[in-house]
């Protein structure tokens, strides 16, 4: 192998390493985004649980908490292409919609189990 071929091989190897590093950083960025969003969802679910407990004091807090969860789900959907995560996000979205409907229909203590279960699943999936 002559010097010219070695330089070409080295240049190709360097390019591949650079592309691998960039792709790795992209995957790392996605993982960090996932973890941060999962934490935000967890906080929002906690806010929802507190709002349900305090429903007599301020019923609008429930709607605010549900909206917070929806905002975080939108952020997470924009940042992922993971099928398991998408399924958990859909389940959480369905749970939020069901709680919103229940509260609208006058239920001051709706079942939060589907929401907490889906949020826990998102946390598991996003944990590196």
C-alpha atoms as a PDB file:
ATOM      1  CA  UNK A   1       0.000   0.000   0.000  1.00  0.00           C
ATOM      2  CA  UNK A   2       1.531   3.286  -1.116  1.00  0.00           C
ATOM      3  CA  UNK A   3       1.516   6.583   0.769  1.00  0.00           C
ATOM      4  CA  UNK A   4      -1.395   7.876  -1.276  1.00  0.00           C
ATOM      5  CA  UNK A   5      -3.573   4.854  -0.404  1.00  0.00           C
ATOM      6  CA  UNK A   6      -2.627   5.135   3.283  1.00  0.00           C
ATOM      7  CA  UNK A   7      -3.636   8.811   3.344  1.00  0.00           C
ATOM      8  CA  UNK A   8      -6.939   7.937   1.674  1.00  0.00           C
ATOM      9  CA  UNK A   9      -7.542   5.105   4.137  1.00  0.00           C
ATOM     10  CA  UNK A  10      -6.648   7.345   7.085  1.00  0.00           C
ATOM     11  CA  UNK A  11      -8.910  10.108   5.797  1.00  0.00           C
ATOM     12  CA  UNK A  12     -11.766   7.638   5.380  1.00  0.00           C
ATOM     13  CA  UNK A  13     -11.191   6.255   8.885  1.00  0.00           C
ATOM     14  CA  UNK A  14     -11.090   9.764  10.354  1.00  0.00           C
ATOM     15  CA  UNK A  15     -14.334  10.637   8.586  1.00  0.00           C
ATOM     16  CA  UNK A  16     -16.016   7.495   9.923  1.00  0.00           C
ATOM     17  CA  UNK A  17     -14.831   8.255  13.467  1.00  0.00           C
ATOM     18  CA  UNK A  18     -16.134  11.805  13.193  1.00  0.00           C
ATOM     19  CA  UNK A  19     -19.510  10.612  11.900  1.00  0.00           C
ATOM     20  CA  UNK A  20     -19.697   8.001  14.659  1.00  0.00           C
ATOM     21  CA  UNK A  21     -18.927  10.617  17.293  1.00  0.00           C
ATOM     22  CA  UNK A  22     -21.543  12.982  15.913  1.00  0.00           C
ATOM     23  CA  UNK A  23     -24.134  10.207  15.784  1.00  0.00           C
ATOM     24  CA  UNK A  24     -23.183   9.185  19.316  1.00  0.00           C
ATOM     25  CA  UNK A  25     -23.641  12.743  20.550  1.00  0.00           C
ATOM     26  CA  UNK A  26     -27.038  12.884  18.891  1.00  0.00           C
ATOM     27  CA  UNK A  27     -28.063   9.697  20.673  1.00  0.00           C
ATOM     28  CA  UNK A  28     -26.681  11.041  23.941  1.00  0.00           C
ATOM     29  CA  UNK A  29     -28.554  14.319  23.473  1.00  0.00           C
ATOM     30  CA  UNK A  30     -31.777  12.368  22.863  1.00  0.00           C
ATOM     31  CA  UNK A  31     -31.190  10.285  25.982  1.00  0.00           C
ATOM     32  CA  UNK A  32     -30.584  13.391  28.086  1.00  0.00           C
ATOM     33  CA  UNK A  33     -33.712  15.025  26.626  1.00  0.00           C
ATOM     34  CA  UNK A  34     -35.684  11.876  27.429  1.00  0.00           C
ATOM     35  CA  UNK A  35     -34.471  11.820  31.036  1.00  0.00           C
ATOM     36  CA  UNK A  36     -35.170  15.525  31.523  1.00  0.00           C
ATOM     37  CA  UNK A  37     -38.640  15.214  30.034  1.00  0.00           C
ATOM     38  CA  UNK A  38     -39.396  12.083  32.093  1.00  0.00           C
ATOM     39  CA  UNK A  39     -38.445  14.032  35.216  1.00  0.00           C
ATOM     40  CA  UNK A  40     -40.685  16.915  34.152  1.00  0.00           C
ATOM     41  CA  UNK A  41     -43.554  14.464  33.559  1.00  0.00           C
ATOM     42  CA  UNK A  42     -42.962  12.966  36.985  1.00  0.00           C
ATOM     43  CA  UNK A  43     -43.113  16.450  38.518  1.00  0.00           C
ATOM     44  CA  UNK A  44     -46.303  17.206  36.582  1.00  0.00           C
ATOM     45  CA  UNK A  45     -47.897  13.958  37.781  1.00  0.00           C
ATOM     46  CA  UNK A  46     -46.958  14.916  41.339  1.00  0.00           C
ATOM     47  CA  UNK A  47     -48.574  18.319  40.771  1.00  0.00           C
ATOM     48  CA  UNK A  48     -51.689  16.559  39.486  1.00  0.00           C
ATOM     49  CA  UNK A  49     -51.869  14.338  42.545  1.00  0.00           C
ATOM     50  CA  UNK A  50     -51.544  17.394  44.781  1.00  0.00           C
ATOM     51  CA  UNK A  51     -54.149  19.283  42.745  1.00  0.00           C
ATOM     52  CA  UNK A  52     -56.592  16.366  43.107  1.00  0.00           C
ATOM     53  CA  UNK A  53     -55.992  16.406  46.868  1.00  0.00           C
ATOM     54  CA  UNK A  54     -56.626  20.153  46.957  1.00  0.00           C
ATOM     55  CA  UNK A  55     -59.534  20.129  44.481  1.00  0.00           C
ATOM     56  CA  UNK A  56     -61.858  21.806  46.968  1.00  0.00           C
ATOM     57  CA  UNK A  57     -59.473  24.745  47.335  1.00  0.00           C
ATOM     58  CA  UNK A  58     -58.686  25.371  43.668  1.00  0.00           C
ATOM     59  CA  UNK A  59     -60.242  23.127  41.003  1.00  0.00           C
ATOM     60  CA  UNK A  60     -58.359  24.976  38.240  1.00  0.00           C
ATOM     61  CA  UNK A  61     -55.080  23.493  39.488  1.00  0.00           C
ATOM     62  CA  UNK A  62     -56.191  20.113  38.160  1.00  0.00           C
ATOM     63  CA  UNK A  63     -56.584  21.539  34.663  1.00  0.00           C
ATOM     64  CA  UNK A  64     -53.229  23.316  34.958  1.00  0.00           C
ATOM     65  CA  UNK A  65     -51.534  20.077  36.036  1.00  0.00           C
ATOM     66  CA  UNK A  66     -53.120  18.133  33.177  1.00  0.00           C
ATOM     67  CA  UNK A  67     -52.011  20.812  30.727  1.00  0.00           C
ATOM     68  CA  UNK A  68     -48.481  20.599  32.143  1.00  0.00           C
ATOM     69  CA  UNK A  69     -48.411  16.861  31.480  1.00  0.00           C
ATOM     70  CA  UNK A  70     -49.694  17.397  27.925  1.00  0.00           C
ATOM     71  CA  UNK A  71     -46.970  19.985  27.262  1.00  0.00           C
ATOM     72  CA  UNK A  72     -44.262  17.598  28.439  1.00  0.00           C
ATOM     73  CA  UNK A  73     -45.729  14.794  26.320  1.00  0.00           C
ATOM     74  CA  UNK A  74     -45.616  17.041  23.264  1.00  0.00           C
ATOM     75  CA  UNK A  75     -41.951  17.791  24.013  1.00  0.00           C
ATOM     76  CA  UNK A  76     -41.177  14.108  24.428  1.00  0.00           C
ATOM     77  CA  UNK A  77     -42.982  13.110  21.222  1.00  0.00           C
ATOM     78  CA  UNK A  78     -40.901  15.649  19.310  1.00  0.00           C
ATOM     79  CA  UNK A  79     -37.656  14.167  20.649  1.00  0.00           C
ATOM     80  CA  UNK A  80     -38.110  10.434  20.292  1.00  0.00           C
ATOM     81  CA  UNK A  81     -38.628   7.707  17.755  1.00  0.00           C
ATOM     82  CA  UNK A  82     -38.582   4.862  20.301  1.00  0.00           C
ATOM     83  CA  UNK A  83     -41.633   2.614  19.799  1.00  0.00           C
ATOM     84  CA  UNK A  84     -41.919   1.609  23.471  1.00  0.00           C
ATOM     85  CA  UNK A  85     -41.676   5.222  24.553  1.00  0.00           C
ATOM     86  CA  UNK A  86     -44.277   6.285  21.990  1.00  0.00           C
ATOM     87  CA  UNK A  87     -46.643   3.617  23.342  1.00  0.00           C
ATOM     88  CA  UNK A  88     -46.144   4.822  26.935  1.00  0.00           C
ATOM     89  CA  UNK A  89     -46.669   8.429  25.832  1.00  0.00           C
ATOM     90  CA  UNK A  90     -49.932   7.409  24.115  1.00  0.00           C
ATOM     91  CA  UNK A  91     -51.077   5.621  27.277  1.00  0.00           C
ATOM     92  CA  UNK A  92     -50.273   8.666  29.379  1.00  0.00           C
ATOM     93  CA  UNK A  93     -52.110  10.917  26.920  1.00  0.00           C
ATOM     94  CA  UNK A  94     -55.165   8.653  27.128  1.00  0.00           C
ATOM     95  CA  UNK A  95     -54.990   8.714  30.931  1.00  0.00           C
ATOM     96  CA  UNK A  96     -54.810  12.516  30.949  1.00  0.00           C
ATOM     97  CA  UNK A  97     -57.819  12.715  28.616  1.00  0.00           C
ATOM     98  CA  UNK A  98     -59.795  10.324  30.846  1.00  0.00           C
ATOM     99  CA  UNK A  99     -58.982  12.292  34.003  1.00  0.00           C
ATOM    100  CA  UNK A 100     -59.845  15.559  32.265  1.00  0.00           C
ATOM    101  CA  UNK A 101     -63.226  14.124  31.240  1.00  0.00           C
ATOM    102  CA  UNK A 102     -63.881  12.703  34.701  1.00  0.00           C
ATOM    103  CA  UNK A 103     -63.109  16.051  36.364  1.00  0.00           C
ATOM    104  CA  UNK A 104     -65.257  17.882  33.829  1.00  0.00           C
ATOM    105  CA  UNK A 105     -68.088  15.480  34.687  1.00  0.00           C
ATOM    106  CA  UNK A 106     -67.740  16.359  38.387  1.00  0.00           C
ATOM    107  CA  UNK A 107     -65.465  13.590  39.677  1.00  0.00           C
ATOM    108  CA  UNK A 108     -63.215  15.216  42.274  1.00  0.00           C
ATOM    109  CA  UNK A 109     -61.172  12.071  42.857  1.00  0.00           C
ATOM    110  CA  UNK A 110     -60.591  10.429  39.456  1.00  0.00           C
ATOM    111  CA  UNK A 111     -58.500   7.283  39.094  1.00  0.00           C
ATOM    112  CA  UNK A 112     -54.910   8.353  38.435  1.00  0.00           C
ATOM    113  CA  UNK A 113     -53.559   4.807  38.137  1.00  0.00           C
ATOM    114  CA  UNK A 114     -53.274   4.853  34.310  1.00  0.00           C
ATOM    115  CA  UNK A 115     -51.392   8.143  34.509  1.00  0.00           C
ATOM    116  CA  UNK A 116     -48.993   7.063  37.236  1.00  0.00           C
ATOM    117  CA  UNK A 117     -48.404   3.680  35.559  1.00  0.00           C
ATOM    118  CA  UNK A 118     -47.624   5.285  32.188  1.00  0.00           C
ATOM    119  CA  UNK A 119     -45.395   7.939  33.810  1.00  0.00           C
ATOM    120  CA  UNK A 120     -43.498   5.190  35.624  1.00  0.00           C
ATOM    121  CA  UNK A 121     -43.049   3.332  32.322  1.00  0.00           C
ATOM    122  CA  UNK A 122     -41.710   6.488  30.654  1.00  0.00           C
ATOM    123  CA  UNK A 123     -39.266   6.874  33.533  1.00  0.00           C
ATOM    124  CA  UNK A 124     -38.064   3.288  33.077  1.00  0.00           C
ATOM    125  CA  UNK A 125     -37.630   3.681  29.328  1.00  0.00           C
ATOM    126  CA  UNK A 126     -35.769   6.974  29.693  1.00  0.00           C
ATOM    127  CA  UNK A 127     -33.408   5.752  32.387  1.00  0.00           C
ATOM    128  CA  UNK A 128     -30.022   5.127  30.781  1.00  0.00           C
END
